[in-house]
Amino acid sequence: MIPPEDCRNMAELRAQIDALDADLVARLAERARYIDRAAELKPAEGLPARIGPRIDDVIRKVRARAGEEGLDPELAERLWRELIEWAIRREEVAMGHRKERA
């Protein structure tokens, strides 16, 4: 990866952004596999798909990390809340609590 300040033109900059986007998609797909495993493990532990304190903890950590990295914590929270809701729907489907696929 080339640091943004070292990109000499828009083509170079766009190539870096495209590489980051591919990385982000791969990481989100990896996260989804962990969500799928959570849906397998939660029933045996008597846990529902939605666990409020866990959601609060994840959001708190994401906001803190965003601030440390120079990303707007409000933006990070909005993105993660959407991601969390998607994950909960996915778990509910896998756990048999919803009919449609997330």
C-alpha atoms as a PDB file:
ATOM      1  CA  MET A   1       0.000   0.000   0.000  1.00  0.00           C
ATOM      2  CA  ILE A   2       1.112   3.484  -0.816  1.00  0.00           C
ATOM      3  CA  PRO A   3       0.310   6.109   1.842  1.00  0.00           C
ATOM      4  CA  PRO A   4      -2.220   8.653   0.540  1.00  0.00           C
ATOM      5  CA  GLU A   5       0.301  11.487   0.703  1.00  0.00           C
ATOM      6  CA  ASP A   6       2.641   9.532  -1.592  1.00  0.00           C
ATOM      7  CA  CYS A   7       0.075   8.982  -4.358  1.00  0.00           C
ATOM      8  CA  ARG A   8       1.215  11.001  -7.358  1.00  0.00           C
ATOM      9  CA  ASN A   9      -2.026  11.038  -9.348  1.00  0.00           C
ATOM     10  CA  MET A  10      -5.690  10.075  -9.207  1.00  0.00           C
ATOM     11  CA  ALA A  11      -5.122   6.743 -10.963  1.00  0.00           C
ATOM     12  CA  GLU A  12      -2.660   5.708  -8.265  1.00  0.00           C
ATOM     13  CA  LEU A  13      -4.945   6.968  -5.515  1.00  0.00           C
ATOM     14  CA  ARG A  14      -7.959   5.134  -6.962  1.00  0.00           C
ATOM     15  CA  ALA A  15      -5.962   1.918  -7.209  1.00  0.00           C
ATOM     16  CA  GLN A  16      -5.180   2.181  -3.498  1.00  0.00           C
ATOM     17  CA  ILE A  17      -8.823   2.835  -2.653  1.00  0.00           C
ATOM     18  CA  ASP A  18      -9.874  -0.152  -4.778  1.00  0.00           C
ATOM     19  CA  ALA A  19      -7.369  -2.341  -2.935  1.00  0.00           C
ATOM     20  CA  LEU A  20      -8.713  -1.127   0.416  1.00  0.00           C
ATOM     21  CA  ASP A  21     -12.278  -1.793  -0.719  1.00  0.00           C
ATOM     22  CA  ALA A  22     -11.355  -5.359  -1.674  1.00  0.00           C
ATOM     23  CA  ASP A  23      -9.728  -5.793   1.728  1.00  0.00           C
ATOM     24  CA  LEU A  24     -12.787  -4.428   3.529  1.00  0.00           C
ATOM     25  CA  VAL A  25     -15.104  -6.795   1.647  1.00  0.00           C
ATOM     26  CA  ALA A  26     -12.870  -9.748   2.495  1.00  0.00           C
ATOM     27  CA  ARG A  27     -12.822  -8.759   6.180  1.00  0.00           C
ATOM     28  CA  LEU A  28     -16.607  -8.318   6.244  1.00  0.00           C
ATOM     29  CA  ALA A  29     -17.028 -11.757   4.678  1.00  0.00           C
ATOM     30  CA  GLU A  30     -14.717 -13.167   7.349  1.00  0.00           C
ATOM     31  CA  ARG A  31     -16.801 -11.427  10.040  1.00  0.00           C
ATOM     32  CA  ALA A  32     -19.946 -12.986   8.541  1.00  0.00           C
ATOM     33  CA  ARG A  33     -18.416 -16.447   8.977  1.00  0.00           C
ATOM     34  CA  TYR A  34     -17.956 -15.674  12.680  1.00  0.00           C
ATOM     35  CA  ILE A  35     -21.589 -14.556  12.821  1.00  0.00           C
ATOM     36  CA  ASP A  36     -22.602 -17.882  11.294  1.00  0.00           C
ATOM     37  CA  ARG A  37     -20.625 -19.716  13.945  1.00  0.00           C
ATOM     38  CA  ALA A  38     -22.223 -17.598  16.674  1.00  0.00           C
ATOM     39  CA  ALA A  39     -25.633 -18.707  15.375  1.00  0.00           C
ATOM     40  CA  GLU A  40     -24.498 -22.319  15.830  1.00  0.00           C
ATOM     41  CA  LEU A  41     -23.131 -21.772  19.335  1.00  0.00           C
ATOM     42  CA  LYS A  42     -25.742 -19.470  20.874  1.00  0.00           C
ATOM     43  CA  PRO A  43     -28.619 -21.984  21.141  1.00  0.00           C
ATOM     44  CA  ALA A  44     -26.494 -24.431  23.152  1.00  0.00           C
ATOM     45  CA  GLU A  45     -25.665 -21.616  25.557  1.00  0.00           C
ATOM     46  CA  GLY A  46     -29.265 -20.417  25.719  1.00  0.00           C
ATOM     47  CA  LEU A  47     -28.413 -17.098  24.095  1.00  0.00           C
ATOM     48  CA  PRO A  48     -30.664 -15.103  21.743  1.00  0.00           C
ATOM     49  CA  ALA A  49     -29.463 -13.506  18.523  1.00  0.00           C
ATOM     50  CA  ARG A  50     -29.802 -10.008  20.036  1.00  0.00           C
ATOM     51  CA  ILE A  51     -27.815  -9.366  23.214  1.00  0.00           C
ATOM     52  CA  GLY A  52     -28.168  -5.709  24.188  1.00  0.00           C
ATOM     53  CA  PRO A  53     -25.122  -5.422  26.468  1.00  0.00           C
ATOM     54  CA  ARG A  54     -22.920  -7.016  23.781  1.00  0.00           C
ATOM     55  CA  ILE A  55     -24.198  -4.535  21.198  1.00  0.00           C
ATOM     56  CA  ASP A  56     -23.442  -1.654  23.571  1.00  0.00           C
ATOM     57  CA  ASP A  57     -19.937  -3.028  24.171  1.00  0.00           C
ATOM     58  CA  VAL A  58     -19.209  -3.414  20.451  1.00  0.00           C
ATOM     59  CA  ILE A  59     -20.420   0.121  19.701  1.00  0.00           C
ATOM     60  CA  ARG A  60     -18.372   1.567  22.562  1.00  0.00           C
ATOM     61  CA  LYS A  61     -15.218  -0.175  21.292  1.00  0.00           C
ATOM     62  CA  VAL A  62     -15.832   0.838  17.685  1.00  0.00           C
ATOM     63  CA  ARG A  63     -16.403   4.486  18.602  1.00  0.00           C
ATOM     64  CA  ALA A  64     -13.219   4.527  20.688  1.00  0.00           C
ATOM     65  CA  ARG A  65     -11.168   2.888  17.953  1.00  0.00           C
ATOM     66  CA  ALA A  66     -12.593   5.220  15.320  1.00  0.00           C
ATOM     67  CA  GLY A  67     -11.545   8.212  17.399  1.00  0.00           C
ATOM     68  CA  GLU A  68      -8.045   6.798  17.816  1.00  0.00           C
ATOM     69  CA  GLU A  69      -7.771   6.258  14.051  1.00  0.00           C
ATOM     70  CA  GLY A  70      -9.072   9.708  13.103  1.00  0.00           C
ATOM     71  CA  LEU A  71     -12.419   8.426  11.815  1.00  0.00           C
ATOM     72  CA  ASP A  72     -15.628  10.181  12.810  1.00  0.00           C
ATOM     73  CA  PRO A  73     -17.061   8.081  15.695  1.00  0.00           C
ATOM     74  CA  GLU A  74     -20.618   8.975  14.614  1.00  0.00           C
ATOM     75  CA  LEU A  75     -19.996   7.529  11.164  1.00  0.00           C
ATOM     76  CA  ALA A  76     -18.408   4.417  12.636  1.00  0.00           C
ATOM     77  CA  GLU A  77     -21.362   3.917  14.953  1.00  0.00           C
ATOM     78  CA  ARG A  78     -23.901   4.252  12.124  1.00  0.00           C
ATOM     79  CA  LEU A  79     -21.992   1.756  10.003  1.00  0.00           C
ATOM     80  CA  TRP A  80     -21.636  -0.739  12.843  1.00  0.00           C
ATOM     81  CA  ARG A  81     -25.253  -0.456  13.921  1.00  0.00           C
ATOM     82  CA  GLU A  82     -26.277  -1.390  10.377  1.00  0.00           C
ATOM     83  CA  LEU A  83     -23.760  -4.237  10.361  1.00  0.00           C
ATOM     84  CA  ILE A  84     -24.989  -5.469  13.742  1.00  0.00           C
ATOM     85  CA  GLU A  85     -28.645  -5.406  12.658  1.00  0.00           C
ATOM     86  CA  TRP A  86     -27.730  -7.361   9.521  1.00  0.00           C
ATOM     87  CA  ALA A  87     -25.825  -9.874  11.662  1.00  0.00           C
ATOM     88  CA  ILE A  88     -28.764 -10.304  14.047  1.00  0.00           C
ATOM     89  CA  ARG A  89     -31.133 -10.956  11.149  1.00  0.00           C
ATOM     90  CA  ARG A  90     -28.650 -13.481   9.750  1.00  0.00           C
ATOM     91  CA  GLU A  91     -28.387 -15.243  13.121  1.00  0.00           C
ATOM     92  CA  GLU A  92     -32.163 -15.298  13.529  1.00  0.00           C
ATOM     93  CA  VAL A  93     -32.529 -16.985  10.137  1.00  0.00           C
ATOM     94  CA  ALA A  94     -29.854 -19.542  10.994  1.00  0.00           C
ATOM     95  CA  MET A  95     -31.391 -20.157  14.405  1.00  0.00           C
ATOM     96  CA  GLY A  96     -34.806 -20.721  12.828  1.00  0.00           C
ATOM     97  CA  HIS A  97     -36.448 -17.579  14.155  1.00  0.00           C
ATOM     98  CA  ARG A  98     -36.957 -16.027  10.700  1.00  0.00           C
ATOM     99  CA  LYS A  99     -37.972 -17.468   7.377  1.00  0.00           C
ATOM    100  CA  GLU A 100     -36.164 -15.159   4.942  1.00  0.00           C
ATOM    101  CA  ARG A 101     -32.414 -15.223   4.352  1.00  0.00           C
ATOM    102  CA  ALA A 102     -30.413 -12.285   5.684  1.00  0.00           C
END
